[in-house]
Protein backbone atom coordinates (compact mmCIF):
# COMPACT_ATOMS: atom_id res chain seq x y z
CA MET A 1 0.00 0.00 0.00
CA PHE A 2 2.76 2.44 0.99
CA LYS A 3 4.56 1.90 -2.34
CA LYS A 4 1.43 3.09 -4.15
CA ILE A 5 1.18 6.27 -2.07
CA GLY A 6 2.14 9.30 -4.13
CA PRO A 7 2.31 13.09 -3.90
CA GLY A 8 -1.37 13.32 -2.90
CA VAL A 9 -0.16 12.76 0.66
CA LEU A 10 2.15 15.79 0.40
CA VAL A 11 -0.78 17.87 -0.87
CA ALA A 12 -2.89 16.70 2.10
CA ALA A 13 0.06 17.39 4.45
CA ALA A 14 0.36 20.89 2.98
CA PHE A 15 -3.29 21.81 3.54
CA ILE A 16 -3.63 20.18 6.98
CA GLY A 17 -1.43 22.88 8.49
CA PRO A 18 -1.81 25.19 11.48
CA GLY A 19 -4.04 27.33 9.26
CA THR A 20 -6.50 24.46 8.88
CA ILE A 21 -6.47 23.71 12.61
CA THR A 22 -6.97 27.39 13.46
CA ALA A 23 -9.60 28.14 10.77
CA CYS A 24 -11.56 24.94 11.49
CA THR A 25 -11.42 25.48 15.26
CA LEU A 26 -12.62 29.09 14.88
CA ALA A 27 -15.42 27.90 12.54
CA GLY A 28 -16.57 25.29 15.08
CA VAL A 29 -16.26 27.61 18.09
CA THR A 30 -18.07 30.55 16.48
CA PHE A 31 -20.62 28.90 14.17
CA GLY A 32 -20.99 25.30 15.37
CA TYR A 33 -21.76 22.89 12.51
CA ALA A 34 -23.14 25.67 10.26
CA LEU A 35 -20.04 25.98 8.04
CA LEU A 36 -19.42 22.25 7.41
CA TRP A 37 -20.87 22.78 3.90
CA ALA A 38 -18.02 25.23 3.15
CA MET A 39 -15.47 22.56 4.08
CA LEU A 40 -17.28 19.93 1.96
CA LEU A 41 -17.31 22.35 -0.98
CA SER A 42 -13.60 23.08 -0.44
CA ILE A 43 -12.75 19.35 -0.46
CA ILE A 44 -14.68 18.76 -3.72
CA ALA A 45 -12.97 21.81 -5.26
CA THR A 46 -9.56 20.53 -4.10
CA ILE A 47 -10.13 17.05 -5.57
CA VAL A 48 -11.25 18.58 -8.92
CA LEU A 49 -8.42 21.13 -9.24
CA GLN A 50 -5.63 18.89 -7.87
CA GLY A 51 -6.86 16.14 -10.22
CA MET A 52 -6.42 18.52 -13.18
CA SER A 53 -2.99 19.56 -11.92
CA ALA A 54 -1.83 15.96 -11.44
CA ARG A 55 -3.11 14.95 -14.91
CA LEU A 56 -1.25 17.90 -16.44
CA GLY A 57 1.98 16.83 -14.68
CA ILE A 58 1.69 13.20 -15.85
CA ILE A 59 0.82 13.96 -19.50
CA THR A 60 3.29 16.82 -20.05
CA GLN A 61 5.99 15.71 -17.56
CA LYS A 62 6.30 19.44 -16.75
CA GLY A 63 5.26 21.85 -14.01
CA LEU A 64 2.17 24.08 -14.25
CA ALA A 65 4.19 27.30 -14.61
CA ASP A 66 6.26 25.66 -17.42
CA VAL A 67 3.13 24.88 -19.42
CA ILE A 68 1.53 28.32 -18.84
CA LYS A 69 4.77 29.96 -20.00
CA GLU A 70 4.94 27.83 -23.17
CA GLU A 71 1.29 28.43 -24.10
CA LEU A 72 1.43 32.23 -23.80
CA LYS A 73 2.99 33.21 -27.14
CA THR A 74 3.01 37.03 -26.77
CA PRO A 75 6.23 37.97 -24.90
CA TRP A 76 4.81 40.86 -22.82
CA VAL A 77 1.74 38.83 -21.80
CA ARG A 78 3.92 35.84 -20.92
CA ASN A 79 6.37 37.95 -18.88
CA THR A 80 3.55 39.78 -17.05
CA VAL A 81 1.71 36.56 -16.15
CA VAL A 82 4.91 34.75 -15.09
CA GLY A 83 5.87 37.80 -12.97
CA ILE A 84 2.44 37.85 -11.27
CA ILE A 85 2.55 34.09 -10.58
CA LEU A 86 6.12 34.26 -9.26
CA GLY A 87 5.41 37.30 -7.06
CA ALA A 88 2.11 35.93 -5.75
CA ILE A 89 3.53 32.51 -4.91
CA VAL A 90 6.72 33.86 -3.31
CA ILE A 91 4.92 36.54 -1.21
CA GLY A 92 2.00 34.19 -0.45
CA ASN A 93 4.30 31.35 0.54
CA ALA A 94 6.45 33.59 2.75
CA ALA A 95 3.30 34.64 4.67
CA TYR A 96 2.09 31.04 4.67
CA GLU A 97 5.49 29.85 5.86
CA ALA A 98 5.37 32.32 8.77
CA GLY A 99 1.95 30.89 9.67
CA ASN A 100 3.30 27.32 9.44
CA ILE A 101 6.27 28.11 11.68
CA GLY A 102 3.94 30.06 13.97
CA GLY A 103 1.67 27.03 14.27
CA ALA A 104 4.55 24.70 15.04
CA THR A 105 5.79 27.31 17.58
CA LEU A 106 2.38 27.20 19.29
CA GLY A 107 2.78 23.43 19.43
CA MET A 108 6.18 23.67 21.11
CA GLU A 109 4.81 26.31 23.49
CA ALA A 110 2.07 23.90 24.59
CA ILE A 111 4.56 21.08 25.17
CA PHE A 112 7.57 22.94 26.65
CA GLY A 113 6.07 26.18 28.03
CA THR A 114 7.10 29.78 27.30
CA ASP A 115 10.59 29.84 28.86
CA TYR A 116 12.40 29.45 25.52
CA LEU A 117 9.68 30.91 23.28
CA SER A 118 12.03 33.09 21.19
CA TYR A 119 14.09 30.03 20.18
CA TYR A 120 11.18 27.88 18.95
CA PRO A 121 10.85 29.42 15.43
CA TRP A 122 14.57 28.82 14.88
CA VAL A 123 14.33 25.19 16.07
CA ILE A 124 11.47 24.55 13.62
CA GLY A 125 13.34 26.39 10.87
CA VAL A 126 16.37 24.13 11.42
CA CYS A 127 14.17 20.96 11.37
CA ALA A 128 12.58 22.02 8.06
CA PHE A 129 16.00 23.05 6.68
CA VAL A 130 17.56 19.64 7.42
CA LEU A 131 14.66 17.70 5.84
CA LEU A 132 14.69 19.90 2.73
CA TYR A 133 18.49 19.88 2.45
CA ILE A 134 18.55 16.07 2.34
CA GLY A 135 16.67 16.60 -0.94
CA SER A 136 15.14 13.10 -1.13
CA TYR A 137 11.50 12.88 -2.19
CA LYS A 138 11.14 9.45 -0.49
CA VAL A 139 12.49 10.72 2.86
CA LEU A 140 10.14 13.74 2.76
CA GLU A 141 7.20 11.52 1.88
CA LYS A 142 7.82 9.12 4.80
CA VAL A 143 8.30 11.91 7.37
CA LEU A 144 5.16 13.75 6.22
CA VAL A 145 3.01 10.59 6.12
CA SER A 146 4.03 9.70 9.69
CA LEU A 147 3.32 13.20 11.05
CA VAL A 148 -0.04 13.47 9.27
CA ILE A 149 -1.16 10.04 10.58
CA VAL A 150 -0.34 11.06 14.20
CA MET A 151 -2.28 14.31 13.84
CA SER A 152 -5.24 12.82 11.96
CA ILE A 153 -5.93 10.05 14.47
CA SER A 154 -6.08 12.56 17.36
CA PHE A 155 -8.73 14.75 15.73
CA LEU A 156 -10.83 11.91 14.27
CA VAL A 157 -11.02 10.06 17.62
CA THR A 158 -11.84 13.34 19.43
CA ALA A 159 -14.69 14.11 17.03
CA ILE A 160 -16.20 10.66 17.70
CA ILE A 161 -15.77 10.89 21.49
CA THR A 162 -17.57 14.26 21.69
CA ARG A 163 -20.73 12.37 20.57
CA PRO A 164 -21.82 15.00 18.05
CA ASN A 165 -25.42 15.48 16.95
CA LEU A 166 -25.52 13.57 13.63
CA ILE A 167 -28.69 15.32 12.39
CA GLU A 168 -27.06 18.75 12.95
CA ILE A 169 -23.88 17.54 11.19
CA PHE A 170 -25.82 16.44 8.09
CA LYS A 171 -27.75 19.71 8.16
CA GLY A 172 -24.46 21.66 8.34
CA LEU A 173 -23.02 19.62 5.46
CA PHE A 174 -25.92 19.72 3.01
CA VAL A 175 -27.93 22.86 3.90
CA PRO A 176 -25.64 25.85 3.16
CA THR A 177 -26.12 28.86 5.44
CA VAL A 178 -24.06 32.03 5.78
CA PRO A 179 -24.38 33.22 9.41
CA GLU A 180 -23.70 36.87 10.20
CA GLU A 181 -19.97 37.77 10.27
CA SER A 182 -19.04 34.37 8.78
CA ILE A 183 -17.76 35.43 5.32
CA LEU A 184 -14.08 35.78 6.31
CA THR A 185 -14.24 32.41 8.09
CA ILE A 186 -15.69 30.81 4.93
CA ILE A 187 -12.87 32.38 2.87
CA ALA A 188 -10.34 31.08 5.40
CA LEU A 189 -11.81 27.53 5.18
CA VAL A 190 -11.59 27.64 1.36
CA GLY A 191 -8.13 29.25 1.43
CA THR A 192 -6.73 26.72 3.88
CA THR A 193 -7.99 23.73 1.86
CA VAL A 194 -7.72 24.71 -1.82
CA VAL A 195 -4.15 26.00 -1.49
CA PRO A 196 -2.95 27.76 -4.71
CA TYR A 197 0.67 26.66 -4.36
CA ASN A 198 -0.44 23.02 -4.11
CA LEU A 199 -1.56 23.19 -7.75
CA PHE A 200 2.06 23.91 -8.74
CA LEU A 201 3.50 21.43 -6.24
CA HIS A 202 1.28 18.54 -7.38
CA ALA A 203 2.02 18.96 -11.11
CA SER A 204 5.76 19.01 -10.35
CA LEU A 205 5.76 16.08 -7.91
CA VAL A 206 3.67 13.58 -9.92
CA HIS A 207 6.37 13.34 -12.59
CA GLU A 208 8.97 12.68 -9.86
CA LYS A 209 7.04 9.44 -9.16
CA TRP A 210 5.13 8.52 -12.33
CA LYS A 211 6.20 8.81 -15.98
CA SER A 212 3.44 7.44 -18.18
CA PRO A 213 -0.25 8.15 -19.04
CA ASN A 214 -0.81 4.49 -18.03
CA ASP A 215 -0.32 5.66 -14.43
CA LEU A 216 -3.33 8.04 -14.58
CA LYS A 217 -5.55 5.59 -12.67
CA ALA A 218 -3.01 5.38 -9.81
CA VAL A 219 -2.69 9.19 -9.81
CA LYS A 220 -6.49 9.68 -9.58
CA ARG A 221 -6.76 7.16 -6.73
CA ASP A 222 -3.85 8.74 -4.85
CA THR A 223 -5.33 12.25 -5.23
CA PHE A 224 -8.87 11.27 -4.23
CA ILE A 225 -7.97 9.14 -1.18
CA SER A 226 -5.36 11.57 0.22
CA ILE A 227 -7.54 14.69 -0.12
CA ALA A 228 -10.71 12.93 1.09
CA ILE A 229 -8.90 11.79 4.26
CA GLY A 230 -7.47 15.30 4.72
CA GLY A 231 -10.97 16.73 4.36
CA LEU A 232 -12.34 14.26 6.89
CA VAL A 233 -9.70 15.44 9.40
CA SER A 234 -10.65 19.10 8.74
CA MET A 235 -14.32 18.30 9.39
CA ALA A 236 -13.37 16.40 12.55
CA ILE A 237 -11.59 19.54 13.84
CA ILE A 238 -14.75 21.65 13.25
CA ILE A 239 -16.91 19.02 14.98
CA ALA A 240 -14.52 18.69 17.94
CA ALA A 241 -14.34 22.50 18.29
CA THR A 242 -18.13 22.83 18.73
CA THR A 243 -17.58 21.55 22.29
CA ILE A 244 -15.94 24.90 23.15
CA GLN A 245 -18.60 26.96 21.36
CA GLY A 246 -19.15 30.51 22.54
CA LYS A 247 -15.61 31.03 23.88
CA GLU A 248 -12.91 33.25 22.43
CA VAL A 249 -9.89 31.50 20.90
CA ASN A 250 -6.66 33.47 21.20
CA THR A 251 -4.02 31.01 22.36
CA VAL A 252 -2.96 27.40 21.88
CA MET A 253 -4.55 26.53 25.24
CA ASP A 254 -7.91 27.73 23.88
CA LEU A 255 -7.42 25.52 20.81
CA ALA A 256 -6.52 22.57 23.05
CA GLN A 257 -9.94 22.67 24.73
CA SER A 258 -11.38 20.86 21.68
CA LEU A 259 -9.20 17.82 22.52
CA GLU A 260 -10.13 17.71 26.23
CA PRO A 261 -12.98 15.18 25.78
CA LEU A 262 -10.35 12.69 24.56
CA TYR A 263 -7.21 13.55 26.52
CA GLY A 264 -8.41 15.46 29.60
CA ASN A 265 -5.62 17.51 31.20
CA ALA A 266 -3.11 16.07 28.72
CA ALA A 267 -5.04 17.73 25.83
CA LYS A 268 -2.58 20.62 25.56
CA TYR A 269 0.29 18.18 24.91
CA PHE A 270 -1.60 16.34 22.19
CA MET A 271 -2.70 19.63 20.60
CA GLY A 272 0.95 20.66 20.85
CA ILE A 273 2.05 17.51 19.00
CA GLY A 274 -0.72 18.01 16.41
CA LEU A 275 0.22 21.65 15.80
CA PHE A 276 3.93 20.83 15.68
CA ALA A 277 3.25 18.03 13.15
CA ALA A 278 0.93 20.23 11.09
CA GLY A 279 3.33 23.19 11.18
CA THR A 280 6.40 21.15 10.30
CA THR A 281 4.75 19.32 7.37
CA SER A 282 3.51 22.58 5.89
CA ALA A 283 6.81 24.36 6.68
CA ILE A 284 8.47 21.82 4.36
CA THR A 285 5.91 21.90 1.52
CA ALA A 286 5.54 25.71 1.19
CA PRO A 287 9.25 26.41 0.41
CA LEU A 288 9.35 23.29 -1.80
CA ALA A 289 6.41 24.59 -3.87
CA ALA A 290 7.99 28.06 -4.22
CA ALA A 291 11.22 26.44 -5.46
CA TYR A 292 9.31 24.41 -8.07
CA VAL A 293 7.49 27.55 -9.27
CA ALA A 294 10.77 29.51 -9.54
CA ASN A 295 12.34 26.52 -11.31
CA SER A 296 9.54 26.65 -13.92
CA CYS A 297 9.31 30.45 -14.23
CA PHE A 298 13.05 30.92 -14.79
CA GLY A 299 13.37 27.79 -16.95
CA TRP A 300 16.18 26.30 -14.83
CA LYS A 301 15.15 22.63 -15.30
CA VAL A 302 17.08 21.63 -12.16
CA GLY A 303 16.42 18.97 -9.47
CA LEU A 304 15.86 19.08 -5.72
CA LYS A 305 19.61 18.98 -4.98
CA HIS A 306 20.67 21.84 -7.27
CA ARG A 307 21.95 25.01 -5.55
CA LYS A 308 19.46 27.32 -7.37
CA PHE A 309 16.54 25.14 -6.22
CA LYS A 310 17.92 25.09 -2.68
CA LEU A 311 18.46 28.86 -2.67
CA VAL A 312 14.74 29.55 -3.34
CA TRP A 313 13.43 27.32 -0.55
CA MET A 314 16.10 28.69 1.80
CA ILE A 315 14.87 32.27 1.13
CA ILE A 316 11.20 31.32 1.77
CA LEU A 317 12.15 29.42 4.93
CA ALA A 318 14.29 32.34 6.17
CA LEU A 319 11.48 34.86 5.46
CA GLY A 320 9.04 32.69 7.43
CA VAL A 321 11.39 32.56 10.45
CA ILE A 322 12.11 36.32 10.23
CA PHE A 323 8.38 37.22 10.01
CA MET A 324 7.77 35.07 13.08
CA SER A 325 10.56 36.86 14.94
CA PHE A 326 8.70 40.21 14.71
CA GLY A 327 6.50 39.16 17.62
CA ILE A 328 3.23 39.19 15.66
CA LYS A 329 0.67 36.76 17.11
CA PRO A 330 0.92 33.45 15.16
CA ILE A 331 -2.88 33.16 14.99
CA GLU A 332 -3.08 36.59 13.26
CA ILE A 333 -0.43 35.59 10.67
CA ILE A 334 -2.25 32.31 10.04
CA LYS A 335 -5.57 34.14 9.47
CA PHE A 336 -3.91 36.61 7.04
CA ALA A 337 -2.30 33.78 5.04
CA GLN A 338 -5.63 31.94 4.65
CA ILE A 339 -7.48 35.05 3.40
CA ALA A 340 -4.60 35.93 1.00
CA ASN A 341 -4.80 32.36 -0.34
CA GLY A 342 -8.55 32.64 -0.88
CA ILE A 343 -8.03 35.78 -2.99
CA LEU A 344 -5.09 34.34 -5.01
CA LEU A 345 -6.88 31.06 -5.83
CA PRO A 346 -9.21 32.25 -8.67
CA LEU A 347 -6.27 33.60 -10.69
CA ILE A 348 -4.31 30.31 -10.52
CA ALA A 349 -7.47 28.20 -11.10
CA ILE A 350 -8.31 30.16 -14.29
CA PHE A 351 -4.84 29.44 -15.75
CA LEU A 352 -5.05 25.77 -14.76
CA VAL A 353 -8.48 25.22 -16.37
CA TRP A 354 -7.27 27.07 -19.49
CA VAL A 355 -4.16 24.89 -20.04
CA VAL A 356 -5.89 21.53 -19.35
CA ASN A 357 -8.39 22.43 -22.11
CA ARG A 358 -5.71 22.92 -24.76
CA THR A 359 -5.31 20.04 -27.21
CA SER A 360 -1.74 21.21 -27.93
CA VAL A 361 -0.90 20.50 -24.27
CA MET A 362 -3.09 17.56 -23.22
CA GLY A 363 -4.05 15.83 -26.49
CA LYS A 364 -6.84 13.29 -25.87
CA TYR A 365 -6.43 13.77 -22.08
CA LYS A 366 -7.82 17.30 -22.03
CA ASN A 367 -10.80 18.20 -19.82
CA THR A 368 -14.20 16.60 -20.38
CA LEU A 369 -17.37 18.72 -20.40
CA LEU A 370 -18.19 17.62 -16.82
CA GLN A 371 -14.70 18.54 -15.57
CA ASN A 372 -15.07 21.97 -17.21
CA VAL A 373 -18.48 22.53 -15.60
CA PHE A 374 -16.97 21.75 -12.18
CA GLY A 375 -13.93 23.94 -12.94
CA ILE A 376 -16.04 26.95 -14.00
CA ILE A 377 -18.36 26.64 -10.96
CA ILE A 378 -15.32 26.51 -8.63
CA ILE A 379 -13.73 29.56 -10.30
CA ALA A 380 -17.02 31.51 -10.11
CA LEU A 381 -17.47 30.68 -6.42
CA THR A 382 -13.85 31.56 -5.53
CA ILE A 383 -14.15 34.91 -7.38
CA LEU A 384 -17.39 35.67 -5.53
CA LEU A 385 -15.89 34.75 -2.14
CA GLY A 386 -12.64 36.63 -2.88
CA ALA A 387 -14.54 39.79 -3.87
CA LYS A 388 -16.74 39.55 -0.78
CA SER A 389 -13.69 39.23 1.49
CA ILE A 390 -12.02 42.30 -0.09
CA PHE A 391 -15.21 44.37 0.37
CA LYS A 392 -15.51 43.06 3.93
CA VAL A 393 -11.92 44.08 4.81
CA ILE A 394 -12.33 47.50 3.13
CA GLY A 395 -15.60 47.93 5.02
CA LEU A 396 -13.77 47.14 8.26
CA LEU A 397 -11.12 49.76 7.45
């Protein structure tokens, strides 16, 4: 079974980060089961878009940015689009990386206390640095799978032990409602699940593992199972968090209350382990994705161990650690990264749907009518949500 596991696990590891734990906990605490539909929608959108990205990677044996660059024939259009993608991914991933390191820092704070708080971001930075520097896809895969399994079991068991109201859960899943003041939380749930940089990461990683269109069935299975399990964990966090409904969540100890039904007084340690695992997995995947995007945009065609590739992920990792050293609350950075992601997503999704519809790129493997219908609906919804969040923030200002 483990030999058949592919990059879908890395995609799941990337989106089950501290942002997911924070956004899902806040959704459960503030709105109960009411926003489960938003998570279900996000999971479907992720499966559809990541499926397109993985298919593109298998058929072309190239990254998403490579293909976009080749298909834009007008030099100024190509340079503008590549510049926007590169800037958005680098800036977005630096903010995301700060959130990842912040989440792992919260985890260490829960386990070891606040005595050495200023050192924690650097410890996590060094852990991520070592794993990335090794430069082995198989090593990364094994570490991430192990960490995600530890974290997933905790939240799934907690959700079951809280004895949730099944009728209310089904109502939350299949009867969409938008409670007052929930729009930014909905954006955060979408932004933390359908992660724009994952679309680049997935296309690049599938051709590290698979080389032929004959492997498409294995790719589809890997994508569906990994993301569905990741989505189940996200829903479990929302369900577990409803037990602390009506309270304000500002610290890791507040987040840990959702695990108390399972672990009692030891909940903070298990939440600490979960956040550390989530933060570390995502702290590895965000710089890796930025390096793949830069690799494509600049046309380097280099591998994981090349110094140019390493330089990009080192810069993103360093920026994440530096941002965290400014003393901004990790939860605030995490929230900002999720909303930024939700706004960036429509742009990347439009380019993805465009290239997987081109016969010159995909041949007979281009999108079917049904895949296009799903793709257009997802783009329309993400544009609507992105616009609403911008108006909401401007209104707040």
